Every structure is written in C-alpha cells, then in structure tokens.
N, C-alpha and C. Protein backbone atom coordinates (compact mmCIF):
# COMPACT_ATOMS: atom_id res chain seq x y z
N MET A 1 -1.42 55.79 85.48
CA MET A 1 -0.24 55.00 85.81
C MET A 1 0.00 53.97 84.72
N LYS A 2 1.24 53.84 84.30
CA LYS A 2 1.58 52.85 83.27
C LYS A 2 1.82 51.50 83.94
N VAL A 3 1.11 50.50 83.49
CA VAL A 3 1.27 49.15 84.05
C VAL A 3 2.17 48.35 83.12
N ASN A 4 3.38 48.06 83.59
CA ASN A 4 4.33 47.30 82.78
C ASN A 4 4.23 45.80 83.05
N LYS A 5 3.75 45.47 84.25
CA LYS A 5 3.66 44.06 84.62
C LYS A 5 2.37 43.84 85.39
N ALA A 6 1.59 42.87 84.95
CA ALA A 6 0.36 42.51 85.66
C ALA A 6 0.12 41.03 85.43
N GLU A 7 0.08 40.27 86.51
CA GLU A 7 -0.14 38.83 86.33
C GLU A 7 -0.83 38.22 87.55
N LEU A 8 -1.61 37.18 87.27
CA LEU A 8 -2.25 36.42 88.34
C LEU A 8 -1.18 35.59 89.02
N ILE A 9 -1.09 35.70 90.36
CA ILE A 9 -0.07 34.89 91.03
C ILE A 9 -0.67 33.72 91.81
N ILE A 10 -1.88 33.87 92.32
CA ILE A 10 -2.52 32.73 92.98
C ILE A 10 -4.01 32.97 93.14
N SER A 11 -4.77 31.87 93.07
CA SER A 11 -6.19 31.89 93.43
C SER A 11 -6.30 31.17 94.76
N ALA A 12 -6.69 31.91 95.79
CA ALA A 12 -6.62 31.39 97.16
C ALA A 12 -8.02 31.19 97.76
N VAL A 13 -8.10 30.21 98.65
CA VAL A 13 -9.34 30.01 99.41
C VAL A 13 -9.09 30.11 100.92
N GLY A 14 -7.87 30.42 101.32
CA GLY A 14 -7.57 30.55 102.74
C GLY A 14 -6.22 31.21 102.96
N PRO A 15 -5.96 31.66 104.21
CA PRO A 15 -4.74 32.41 104.52
C PRO A 15 -3.45 31.68 104.19
N GLU A 16 -3.48 30.35 104.28
CA GLU A 16 -2.25 29.60 103.99
C GLU A 16 -1.82 29.74 102.52
N GLN A 17 -2.74 30.20 101.69
CA GLN A 17 -2.42 30.37 100.26
C GLN A 17 -2.15 31.83 99.88
N TYR A 18 -2.38 32.76 100.80
CA TYR A 18 -2.14 34.16 100.47
C TYR A 18 -0.66 34.36 100.16
N PRO A 19 -0.34 35.32 99.26
CA PRO A 19 1.07 35.62 98.99
C PRO A 19 1.78 36.10 100.26
N GLU A 20 3.05 35.74 100.38
CA GLU A 20 3.81 36.13 101.57
C GLU A 20 4.39 37.54 101.46
N ALA A 21 4.46 38.05 100.24
CA ALA A 21 5.04 39.38 100.05
C ALA A 21 4.28 40.43 100.85
N GLU A 22 5.01 41.41 101.36
CA GLU A 22 4.40 42.46 102.18
C GLU A 22 3.93 43.65 101.34
N LEU A 23 3.52 43.40 100.11
CA LEU A 23 3.06 44.49 99.25
C LEU A 23 1.68 44.98 99.69
N PRO A 24 1.40 46.27 99.51
CA PRO A 24 0.04 46.75 99.81
C PRO A 24 -0.98 46.08 98.90
N GLU A 25 -2.17 45.83 99.44
CA GLU A 25 -3.22 45.16 98.67
C GLU A 25 -4.47 46.02 98.59
N ILE A 26 -5.05 46.03 97.41
CA ILE A 26 -6.33 46.68 97.16
C ILE A 26 -7.28 45.59 96.70
N ALA A 27 -8.41 45.44 97.39
CA ALA A 27 -9.39 44.41 97.02
C ALA A 27 -10.52 45.05 96.22
N PHE A 28 -11.15 44.23 95.38
CA PHE A 28 -12.24 44.67 94.51
C PHE A 28 -13.47 43.83 94.81
N ALA A 29 -14.55 44.50 95.19
CA ALA A 29 -15.78 43.80 95.56
C ALA A 29 -16.96 44.39 94.79
N GLY A 30 -17.99 43.57 94.63
CA GLY A 30 -19.19 44.04 93.95
C GLY A 30 -20.09 42.89 93.60
N ARG A 31 -21.29 43.25 93.24
CA ARG A 31 -22.28 42.25 92.83
C ARG A 31 -21.79 41.53 91.58
N SER A 32 -22.19 40.28 91.43
CA SER A 32 -21.88 39.57 90.19
C SER A 32 -22.41 40.37 89.02
N ASN A 33 -21.64 40.46 87.96
CA ASN A 33 -22.05 41.14 86.74
C ASN A 33 -22.02 42.67 86.84
N VAL A 34 -21.33 43.21 87.85
CA VAL A 34 -21.25 44.66 87.99
C VAL A 34 -20.15 45.25 87.10
N GLY A 35 -19.27 44.39 86.59
CA GLY A 35 -18.18 44.85 85.74
C GLY A 35 -16.84 44.90 86.45
N LYS A 36 -16.69 44.06 87.47
CA LYS A 36 -15.46 44.05 88.27
C LYS A 36 -14.24 43.65 87.44
N SER A 37 -14.38 42.53 86.71
CA SER A 37 -13.26 42.06 85.88
C SER A 37 -12.93 43.07 84.79
N SER A 38 -13.96 43.66 84.19
CA SER A 38 -13.74 44.67 83.14
C SER A 38 -13.02 45.89 83.71
N PHE A 39 -13.36 46.27 84.93
CA PHE A 39 -12.70 47.40 85.59
C PHE A 39 -11.21 47.10 85.78
N ILE A 40 -10.92 45.93 86.33
CA ILE A 40 -9.51 45.54 86.57
C ILE A 40 -8.75 45.50 85.24
N ASN A 41 -9.36 44.91 84.23
CA ASN A 41 -8.69 44.80 82.93
C ASN A 41 -8.47 46.18 82.30
N THR A 42 -9.43 47.08 82.45
CA THR A 42 -9.31 48.41 81.86
C THR A 42 -8.21 49.22 82.53
N ILE A 43 -8.18 49.23 83.86
CA ILE A 43 -7.17 50.08 84.51
C ILE A 43 -5.76 49.50 84.40
N THR A 44 -5.66 48.18 84.20
CA THR A 44 -4.32 47.59 84.03
C THR A 44 -3.92 47.51 82.55
N GLN A 45 -4.85 47.90 81.68
CA GLN A 45 -4.63 47.86 80.22
C GLN A 45 -4.31 46.43 79.74
N ARG A 46 -5.02 45.47 80.32
CA ARG A 46 -4.90 44.07 79.93
C ARG A 46 -6.29 43.55 79.56
N LYS A 47 -6.39 42.90 78.41
CA LYS A 47 -7.72 42.44 77.99
C LYS A 47 -8.21 41.23 78.77
N LYS A 48 -7.28 40.38 79.21
CA LYS A 48 -7.70 39.12 79.82
C LYS A 48 -7.01 38.84 81.14
N LEU A 49 -6.66 39.89 81.89
CA LEU A 49 -6.02 39.65 83.19
C LEU A 49 -7.04 39.03 84.15
N ALA A 50 -8.14 39.73 84.36
CA ALA A 50 -9.23 39.17 85.17
C ALA A 50 -10.23 38.55 84.20
N TYR A 51 -10.75 37.41 84.59
CA TYR A 51 -11.63 36.66 83.69
C TYR A 51 -13.00 37.30 83.61
N THR A 52 -13.41 37.68 82.40
CA THR A 52 -14.75 38.22 82.20
C THR A 52 -15.61 37.13 81.58
N SER A 53 -16.87 37.10 81.96
CA SER A 53 -17.75 36.04 81.48
C SER A 53 -19.16 36.56 81.28
N GLN A 54 -19.86 35.96 80.34
CA GLN A 54 -21.28 36.29 80.17
C GLN A 54 -22.08 35.69 81.32
N GLN A 55 -21.48 34.69 81.96
CA GLN A 55 -22.16 34.02 83.08
C GLN A 55 -21.63 34.59 84.39
N PRO A 56 -22.46 35.30 85.16
CA PRO A 56 -21.99 35.88 86.41
C PRO A 56 -21.62 34.79 87.41
N GLY A 57 -20.85 35.19 88.43
CA GLY A 57 -20.52 34.26 89.50
C GLY A 57 -19.35 33.36 89.18
N LYS A 58 -18.53 33.75 88.20
CA LYS A 58 -17.39 32.90 87.80
C LYS A 58 -16.23 32.97 88.79
N THR A 59 -16.03 34.13 89.44
CA THR A 59 -14.93 34.23 90.40
C THR A 59 -15.34 33.52 91.68
N ARG A 60 -14.63 32.44 92.01
CA ARG A 60 -15.00 31.64 93.18
C ARG A 60 -13.87 31.54 94.19
N THR A 61 -12.84 32.30 93.95
CA THR A 61 -11.69 32.31 94.85
C THR A 61 -11.23 33.76 95.00
N LEU A 62 -10.29 34.00 95.93
CA LEU A 62 -9.64 35.30 96.01
C LEU A 62 -8.49 35.27 95.01
N ASN A 63 -8.59 36.04 93.96
CA ASN A 63 -7.56 36.03 92.92
C ASN A 63 -6.59 37.18 93.16
N PHE A 64 -5.34 36.83 93.43
CA PHE A 64 -4.29 37.82 93.71
C PHE A 64 -3.49 38.10 92.43
N PHE A 65 -3.45 39.38 92.06
CA PHE A 65 -2.67 39.81 90.90
C PHE A 65 -1.53 40.70 91.38
N THR A 66 -0.36 40.52 90.84
CA THR A 66 0.73 41.45 91.15
C THR A 66 0.77 42.51 90.05
N ILE A 67 0.87 43.77 90.47
CA ILE A 67 0.87 44.91 89.55
C ILE A 67 2.18 45.66 89.70
N ASN A 68 3.00 45.65 88.63
CA ASN A 68 4.28 46.36 88.62
C ASN A 68 5.20 46.00 89.80
N ASP A 69 4.99 44.84 90.39
CA ASP A 69 5.76 44.41 91.58
C ASP A 69 5.66 45.43 92.72
N SER A 70 4.61 46.29 92.69
CA SER A 70 4.49 47.32 93.73
C SER A 70 3.24 47.15 94.59
N CYS A 71 2.28 46.33 94.12
CA CYS A 71 1.07 46.10 94.90
C CYS A 71 0.38 44.83 94.41
N HIS A 72 -0.59 44.39 95.18
CA HIS A 72 -1.46 43.30 94.76
C HIS A 72 -2.88 43.82 94.60
N PHE A 73 -3.53 43.42 93.53
CA PHE A 73 -4.97 43.58 93.39
C PHE A 73 -5.59 42.24 93.78
N VAL A 74 -6.68 42.29 94.53
CA VAL A 74 -7.34 41.06 94.97
C VAL A 74 -8.79 41.10 94.52
N ASP A 75 -9.10 40.20 93.59
CA ASP A 75 -10.46 40.11 93.04
C ASP A 75 -11.26 39.17 93.93
N ILE A 76 -12.29 39.71 94.55
CA ILE A 76 -13.14 38.97 95.51
C ILE A 76 -14.35 38.40 94.77
N PRO A 77 -14.81 37.19 95.13
CA PRO A 77 -16.01 36.65 94.46
C PRO A 77 -17.18 37.63 94.52
N GLY A 78 -17.88 37.75 93.41
CA GLY A 78 -19.06 38.62 93.35
C GLY A 78 -20.19 38.05 94.20
N TYR A 79 -21.01 38.92 94.73
CA TYR A 79 -22.12 38.47 95.57
C TYR A 79 -23.44 38.68 94.84
N GLY A 80 -24.49 38.03 95.34
CA GLY A 80 -25.83 38.26 94.81
C GLY A 80 -26.19 37.43 93.60
N TYR A 81 -25.40 36.40 93.31
CA TYR A 81 -25.71 35.58 92.13
C TYR A 81 -26.62 34.43 92.55
N ALA A 82 -27.83 34.41 92.03
CA ALA A 82 -28.89 33.52 92.51
C ALA A 82 -28.63 32.04 92.23
N LYS A 83 -27.89 31.72 91.17
CA LYS A 83 -27.74 30.32 90.78
C LYS A 83 -26.67 29.56 91.57
N VAL A 84 -26.15 30.20 92.60
CA VAL A 84 -25.16 29.53 93.45
C VAL A 84 -25.86 29.00 94.69
N SER A 85 -25.50 27.80 95.11
CA SER A 85 -26.15 27.19 96.28
C SER A 85 -25.85 27.99 97.54
N LYS A 86 -26.75 27.86 98.53
CA LYS A 86 -26.56 28.54 99.82
C LYS A 86 -25.25 28.12 100.46
N LYS A 87 -24.93 26.84 100.33
CA LYS A 87 -23.70 26.31 100.92
C LYS A 87 -22.47 27.00 100.30
N GLU A 88 -22.49 27.14 98.97
CA GLU A 88 -21.36 27.78 98.29
C GLU A 88 -21.29 29.26 98.63
N ARG A 89 -22.44 29.92 98.71
CA ARG A 89 -22.46 31.34 99.10
C ARG A 89 -21.87 31.53 100.50
N ALA A 90 -22.23 30.61 101.40
CA ALA A 90 -21.72 30.68 102.78
C ALA A 90 -20.20 30.49 102.79
N PHE A 91 -19.72 29.59 101.93
CA PHE A 91 -18.28 29.33 101.82
C PHE A 91 -17.56 30.59 101.33
N TRP A 92 -18.10 31.22 100.27
CA TRP A 92 -17.51 32.46 99.77
C TRP A 92 -17.50 33.52 100.86
N GLY A 93 -18.63 33.60 101.59
CA GLY A 93 -18.74 34.60 102.66
C GLY A 93 -17.63 34.43 103.68
N ARG A 94 -17.35 33.18 104.06
CA ARG A 94 -16.28 32.91 105.03
C ARG A 94 -14.91 33.30 104.49
N ILE A 95 -14.67 32.98 103.21
CA ILE A 95 -13.39 33.33 102.57
C ILE A 95 -13.18 34.85 102.61
N ILE A 96 -14.22 35.59 102.21
CA ILE A 96 -14.14 37.05 102.13
C ILE A 96 -13.95 37.64 103.52
N GLU A 97 -14.76 37.16 104.46
CA GLU A 97 -14.71 37.69 105.83
C GLU A 97 -13.34 37.48 106.45
N GLU A 98 -12.80 36.29 106.27
CA GLU A 98 -11.49 35.97 106.83
C GLU A 98 -10.42 36.89 106.24
N TYR A 99 -10.49 37.09 104.94
CA TYR A 99 -9.50 37.94 104.29
C TYR A 99 -9.61 39.39 104.78
N ILE A 100 -10.81 39.94 104.76
CA ILE A 100 -11.02 41.35 105.14
C ILE A 100 -10.61 41.59 106.59
N GLN A 101 -10.94 40.65 107.46
CA GLN A 101 -10.69 40.86 108.89
C GLN A 101 -9.24 40.64 109.31
N THR A 102 -8.52 39.80 108.57
CA THR A 102 -7.20 39.38 109.07
C THR A 102 -6.01 39.87 108.25
N ARG A 103 -6.24 40.35 107.05
CA ARG A 103 -5.11 40.64 106.16
C ARG A 103 -4.52 42.01 106.45
N SER A 104 -3.34 42.05 107.04
CA SER A 104 -2.73 43.33 107.42
C SER A 104 -2.30 44.15 106.19
N GLN A 105 -2.03 43.48 105.05
CA GLN A 105 -1.60 44.19 103.85
C GLN A 105 -2.75 44.92 103.15
N LEU A 106 -3.99 44.61 103.53
CA LEU A 106 -5.15 45.23 102.87
C LEU A 106 -5.23 46.71 103.23
N LYS A 107 -5.15 47.56 102.20
CA LYS A 107 -5.19 49.01 102.41
C LYS A 107 -6.57 49.62 102.15
N GLY A 108 -7.40 48.89 101.42
CA GLY A 108 -8.73 49.42 101.13
C GLY A 108 -9.44 48.55 100.12
N VAL A 109 -10.73 48.86 99.93
CA VAL A 109 -11.57 48.09 99.01
C VAL A 109 -12.20 49.04 97.99
N VAL A 110 -12.13 48.63 96.72
CA VAL A 110 -12.86 49.31 95.66
C VAL A 110 -14.20 48.59 95.55
N LEU A 111 -15.27 49.28 95.91
CA LEU A 111 -16.61 48.70 95.86
C LEU A 111 -17.30 49.19 94.60
N LEU A 112 -17.59 48.25 93.70
CA LEU A 112 -18.20 48.61 92.41
C LEU A 112 -19.71 48.50 92.47
N LEU A 113 -20.38 49.51 91.92
CA LEU A 113 -21.83 49.58 91.92
C LEU A 113 -22.31 49.91 90.50
N ASP A 114 -23.35 49.26 90.05
CA ASP A 114 -23.91 49.52 88.72
C ASP A 114 -24.68 50.84 88.77
N ALA A 115 -24.21 51.84 88.03
CA ALA A 115 -24.81 53.17 88.07
C ALA A 115 -26.25 53.19 87.58
N ARG A 116 -26.65 52.15 86.85
CA ARG A 116 -27.99 52.15 86.26
C ARG A 116 -29.08 51.79 87.27
N HIS A 117 -28.69 51.21 88.41
CA HIS A 117 -29.69 50.70 89.35
C HIS A 117 -29.43 51.20 90.76
N LYS A 118 -30.50 51.22 91.55
CA LYS A 118 -30.33 51.50 92.97
C LYS A 118 -29.45 50.40 93.57
N PRO A 119 -28.60 50.73 94.54
CA PRO A 119 -27.80 49.69 95.17
C PRO A 119 -28.71 48.62 95.79
N SER A 120 -28.29 47.38 95.67
CA SER A 120 -29.07 46.28 96.24
C SER A 120 -28.87 46.25 97.76
N GLU A 121 -29.68 45.46 98.41
CA GLU A 121 -29.53 45.27 99.85
C GLU A 121 -28.13 44.74 100.17
N GLN A 122 -27.62 43.86 99.30
CA GLN A 122 -26.29 43.30 99.52
C GLN A 122 -25.20 44.35 99.33
N ASP A 123 -25.41 45.28 98.38
CA ASP A 123 -24.45 46.38 98.21
C ASP A 123 -24.39 47.22 99.50
N LEU A 124 -25.55 47.53 100.03
CA LEU A 124 -25.61 48.35 101.25
C LEU A 124 -24.98 47.61 102.43
N MET A 125 -25.25 46.31 102.50
CA MET A 125 -24.68 45.49 103.58
C MET A 125 -23.16 45.44 103.46
N MET A 126 -22.65 45.28 102.24
CA MET A 126 -21.20 45.23 102.04
C MET A 126 -20.56 46.54 102.46
N TYR A 127 -21.16 47.66 102.06
CA TYR A 127 -20.60 48.96 102.44
C TYR A 127 -20.58 49.09 103.97
N ASP A 128 -21.71 48.79 104.60
CA ASP A 128 -21.80 48.92 106.07
C ASP A 128 -20.82 47.99 106.77
N TRP A 129 -20.67 46.79 106.24
CA TRP A 129 -19.78 45.79 106.83
C TRP A 129 -18.33 46.27 106.76
N LEU A 130 -17.93 46.80 105.60
CA LEU A 130 -16.57 47.32 105.44
C LEU A 130 -16.33 48.50 106.38
N LYS A 131 -17.35 49.35 106.52
CA LYS A 131 -17.22 50.48 107.43
C LYS A 131 -17.10 50.01 108.88
N TYR A 132 -17.84 48.96 109.22
CA TYR A 132 -17.78 48.39 110.58
C TYR A 132 -16.34 47.98 110.90
N TYR A 133 -15.66 47.41 109.90
CA TYR A 133 -14.27 46.98 110.10
C TYR A 133 -13.26 48.09 109.76
N GLN A 134 -13.78 49.30 109.55
CA GLN A 134 -12.95 50.49 109.32
C GLN A 134 -12.02 50.33 108.12
N ILE A 135 -12.56 49.71 107.06
CA ILE A 135 -11.81 49.54 105.82
C ILE A 135 -12.07 50.74 104.92
N PRO A 136 -11.03 51.43 104.48
CA PRO A 136 -11.24 52.54 103.53
C PRO A 136 -11.86 52.03 102.23
N ILE A 137 -12.72 52.85 101.64
CA ILE A 137 -13.47 52.43 100.45
C ILE A 137 -13.37 53.48 99.35
N ILE A 138 -13.24 53.00 98.11
CA ILE A 138 -13.45 53.83 96.92
C ILE A 138 -14.68 53.25 96.23
N LEU A 139 -15.68 54.07 95.98
CA LEU A 139 -16.87 53.62 95.26
C LEU A 139 -16.65 53.88 93.77
N VAL A 140 -16.92 52.86 92.95
CA VAL A 140 -16.82 53.01 91.50
C VAL A 140 -18.18 52.70 90.90
N LEU A 141 -18.78 53.71 90.26
CA LEU A 141 -20.08 53.53 89.62
C LEU A 141 -19.84 53.12 88.17
N THR A 142 -20.13 51.86 87.86
CA THR A 142 -19.79 51.29 86.56
C THR A 142 -20.91 51.50 85.53
N LYS A 143 -20.55 51.20 84.29
CA LYS A 143 -21.49 51.18 83.16
C LYS A 143 -22.11 52.54 82.87
N MET A 144 -21.32 53.59 83.11
CA MET A 144 -21.81 54.95 82.86
C MET A 144 -22.17 55.17 81.40
N ASP A 145 -21.49 54.46 80.49
CA ASP A 145 -21.77 54.62 79.06
C ASP A 145 -23.16 54.13 78.69
N LYS A 146 -23.77 53.33 79.55
CA LYS A 146 -25.10 52.77 79.26
C LYS A 146 -26.23 53.74 79.65
N LEU A 147 -25.85 54.86 80.28
CA LEU A 147 -26.85 55.84 80.71
C LEU A 147 -26.91 57.00 79.72
N LYS A 148 -28.13 57.46 79.42
CA LYS A 148 -28.27 58.67 78.59
C LYS A 148 -27.72 59.85 79.37
N LYS A 149 -27.13 60.78 78.63
CA LYS A 149 -26.52 61.95 79.29
C LYS A 149 -27.52 62.67 80.19
N SER A 150 -28.77 62.74 79.75
CA SER A 150 -29.79 63.46 80.51
C SER A 150 -30.16 62.75 81.82
N LYS A 151 -29.82 61.46 81.91
CA LYS A 151 -30.20 60.68 83.11
C LYS A 151 -29.04 60.46 84.08
N ARG A 152 -27.85 60.81 83.65
CA ARG A 152 -26.66 60.50 84.46
C ARG A 152 -26.72 61.09 85.87
N THR A 153 -27.00 62.37 85.95
CA THR A 153 -26.98 63.05 87.25
C THR A 153 -27.97 62.41 88.21
N ALA A 154 -29.17 62.10 87.73
CA ALA A 154 -30.21 61.51 88.58
C ALA A 154 -29.79 60.11 89.06
N HIS A 155 -29.19 59.33 88.18
CA HIS A 155 -28.77 57.98 88.55
C HIS A 155 -27.63 58.01 89.57
N VAL A 156 -26.67 58.88 89.35
CA VAL A 156 -25.55 59.00 90.29
C VAL A 156 -26.07 59.43 91.66
N LYS A 157 -26.97 60.42 91.66
CA LYS A 157 -27.55 60.89 92.93
C LYS A 157 -28.28 59.76 93.65
N GLN A 158 -29.02 58.97 92.89
CA GLN A 158 -29.77 57.85 93.48
C GLN A 158 -28.83 56.86 94.17
N VAL A 159 -27.74 56.52 93.51
CA VAL A 159 -26.78 55.56 94.09
C VAL A 159 -26.12 56.14 95.34
N ILE A 160 -25.64 57.37 95.24
CA ILE A 160 -24.92 57.99 96.36
C ILE A 160 -25.87 58.24 97.54
N ASP A 161 -27.10 58.67 97.26
CA ASP A 161 -28.07 58.89 98.34
C ASP A 161 -28.38 57.60 99.09
N GLU A 162 -28.44 56.48 98.36
CA GLU A 162 -28.73 55.19 99.00
C GLU A 162 -27.55 54.71 99.85
N ILE A 163 -26.35 54.83 99.31
CA ILE A 163 -25.16 54.34 100.02
C ILE A 163 -24.83 55.24 101.21
N GLU A 164 -25.04 56.55 101.06
CA GLU A 164 -24.68 57.54 102.08
C GLU A 164 -23.22 57.40 102.51
N PRO A 165 -22.28 57.55 101.54
CA PRO A 165 -20.88 57.36 101.90
C PRO A 165 -20.38 58.42 102.87
N LEU A 166 -19.42 58.03 103.67
CA LEU A 166 -18.77 58.98 104.56
C LEU A 166 -17.91 59.92 103.70
N PRO A 167 -17.62 61.13 104.20
CA PRO A 167 -16.89 62.11 103.39
C PRO A 167 -15.55 61.59 102.85
N GLU A 168 -14.89 60.72 103.61
CA GLU A 168 -13.58 60.23 103.16
C GLU A 168 -13.67 59.17 102.04
N ASP A 169 -14.88 58.66 101.79
CA ASP A 169 -15.05 57.64 100.76
C ASP A 169 -15.40 58.30 99.42
N LYS A 170 -14.40 58.41 98.58
CA LYS A 170 -14.58 59.07 97.28
C LYS A 170 -15.31 58.15 96.31
N TYR A 171 -15.92 58.75 95.28
CA TYR A 171 -16.53 57.92 94.25
C TYR A 171 -16.09 58.37 92.86
N VAL A 172 -16.08 57.41 91.94
CA VAL A 172 -15.63 57.63 90.57
C VAL A 172 -16.70 57.13 89.62
N LEU A 173 -16.99 57.91 88.58
CA LEU A 173 -17.89 57.47 87.52
C LEU A 173 -17.03 56.78 86.46
N PHE A 174 -17.42 55.55 86.10
CA PHE A 174 -16.52 54.73 85.30
C PHE A 174 -17.24 54.02 84.15
N SER A 175 -16.51 53.88 83.05
CA SER A 175 -16.97 53.06 81.93
C SER A 175 -15.78 52.31 81.34
N SER A 176 -15.89 51.00 81.28
CA SER A 176 -14.82 50.22 80.65
C SER A 176 -14.85 50.38 79.14
N GLU A 177 -16.01 50.78 78.61
CA GLU A 177 -16.15 50.98 77.16
C GLU A 177 -15.43 52.25 76.68
N THR A 178 -15.60 53.33 77.42
CA THR A 178 -15.04 54.62 76.99
C THR A 178 -13.75 54.99 77.73
N GLY A 179 -13.48 54.31 78.84
CA GLY A 179 -12.30 54.65 79.65
C GLY A 179 -12.56 55.79 80.63
N GLU A 180 -13.81 56.29 80.66
CA GLU A 180 -14.16 57.36 81.61
C GLU A 180 -13.81 56.93 83.03
N GLY A 181 -13.14 57.82 83.76
CA GLY A 181 -12.85 57.58 85.16
C GLY A 181 -11.61 56.75 85.43
N LYS A 182 -10.96 56.28 84.38
CA LYS A 182 -9.80 55.39 84.56
C LYS A 182 -8.66 56.07 85.32
N GLU A 183 -8.29 57.26 84.88
CA GLU A 183 -7.16 57.96 85.52
C GLU A 183 -7.51 58.37 86.95
N GLU A 184 -8.74 58.83 87.13
CA GLU A 184 -9.16 59.23 88.48
C GLU A 184 -9.16 58.03 89.43
N ALA A 185 -9.65 56.89 88.93
CA ALA A 185 -9.66 55.67 89.74
C ALA A 185 -8.24 55.29 90.13
N TRP A 186 -7.33 55.37 89.17
CA TRP A 186 -5.93 55.01 89.45
C TRP A 186 -5.34 55.90 90.53
N SER A 187 -5.57 57.20 90.43
CA SER A 187 -4.96 58.11 91.41
C SER A 187 -5.53 57.85 92.81
N LEU A 188 -6.81 57.53 92.90
CA LEU A 188 -7.40 57.21 94.21
C LEU A 188 -6.86 55.89 94.75
N ILE A 189 -6.71 54.90 93.87
CA ILE A 189 -6.18 53.59 94.29
C ILE A 189 -4.73 53.74 94.77
N ARG A 190 -3.94 54.50 94.03
CA ARG A 190 -2.54 54.69 94.43
C ARG A 190 -2.43 55.44 95.76
N ALA A 191 -3.29 56.42 95.96
CA ALA A 191 -3.28 57.16 97.23
C ALA A 191 -3.68 56.23 98.38
N LEU A 192 -4.66 55.38 98.12
CA LEU A 192 -5.12 54.45 99.15
C LEU A 192 -4.03 53.43 99.50
N GLY A 193 -3.38 52.92 98.47
CA GLY A 193 -2.38 51.87 98.69
C GLY A 193 -1.01 52.40 99.08
N GLY A 194 -0.78 53.68 98.82
CA GLY A 194 0.52 54.26 99.15
C GLY A 194 1.65 53.74 98.27
N PHE A 195 1.36 53.51 96.98
CA PHE A 195 2.42 53.03 96.07
C PHE A 195 2.48 53.91 94.82
C-alpha cells in the first residue's frame, strides 16, 4: 500500500484525548526494544514517524497516527522495561487496558515478538489478555535479518509453539532492515481494519 500521508495527531493518556474521528484503528504492542517503532516506520515508508531510540521504554503515551486519512495506527507503550518504576508501569497498564477494553474503533492489535528469543512471560500474558477480550491479532516476528538462514525455521517454530496462536491469528516474518514481510503485513493489516 502506498502511504501518501502519515502524521502523529495526538499522544493520549486517556479517552478524553482520543481522536473523535470514526476511523478504524490498528494498535501496535510489544516488549520494549522489539522494533515496534521501526516496524511502523518501515511499513509507512517514513524514517521518523514513530520515535526510535537506543533507550527502550521511550513510548509513554498512546500515540495516534493518521494514515492516508483512512485509518489510525496506535503505538502502545512497550512493556517489560526494567528501568521504569512500578508506579509508572501500573499507570501504563491502566492506559492500555482502558484503551483496549473501551475503544470501539479498535479493529485489532499487531503484536510484535523478537524472533531471536522465546516469547517472554509478558508476551504470553499480552496474547492471552487480548484473546480474553476477543481482540483480533496479527503476530509479527521481528529482527529476522539477525538470524542465520539455517536457524530461522527453528526460531520461528519456537516462538509460534510458545504462543500457540489460534488459527485465525496470522503471523508475519519481518525485518525493518531488509523489508521482508512488509507487503504481507500491510495486506493483513488492511484486511483487519477494513480499509
């Protein structure tokens, strides 16, 4: 999909700040440092749309981006970053929970997982939690370029076996470095959002 327009419209911490437009929304979730911002930037063909940082845990709000005036992408704070206080983690948790549970425009969540490692306990909890609320999910296995070709199949199997996705939850192998999986991710996102 060609992205002609992509811009941050608001960084929100509660429903009163959510955009009023009735556009379909796709949220992006994942552990800090999983490559969430790089994924958003790669598929929108923008180098600095979502903020990438060497320091994980930079996203501290729900960042709403408008894409081609046809949908919103919502960047959710990354989880699992140890240097954040318990109080701040709890605050993020409340923001995310409120959004996921109450936002009628939300069509699904792209859950990003680092293909190099077994999913963390928090990854598994996030998947189960989204399923509990019957949120459609696309799994994106990031950093595929960092795996040797001979190890790819074993790593992908390890991630998928741990998550145990339901048949309707598709997964994409992705690399922001090579662009692998970009078109497939877009087609799944568009099907999920209906735009």
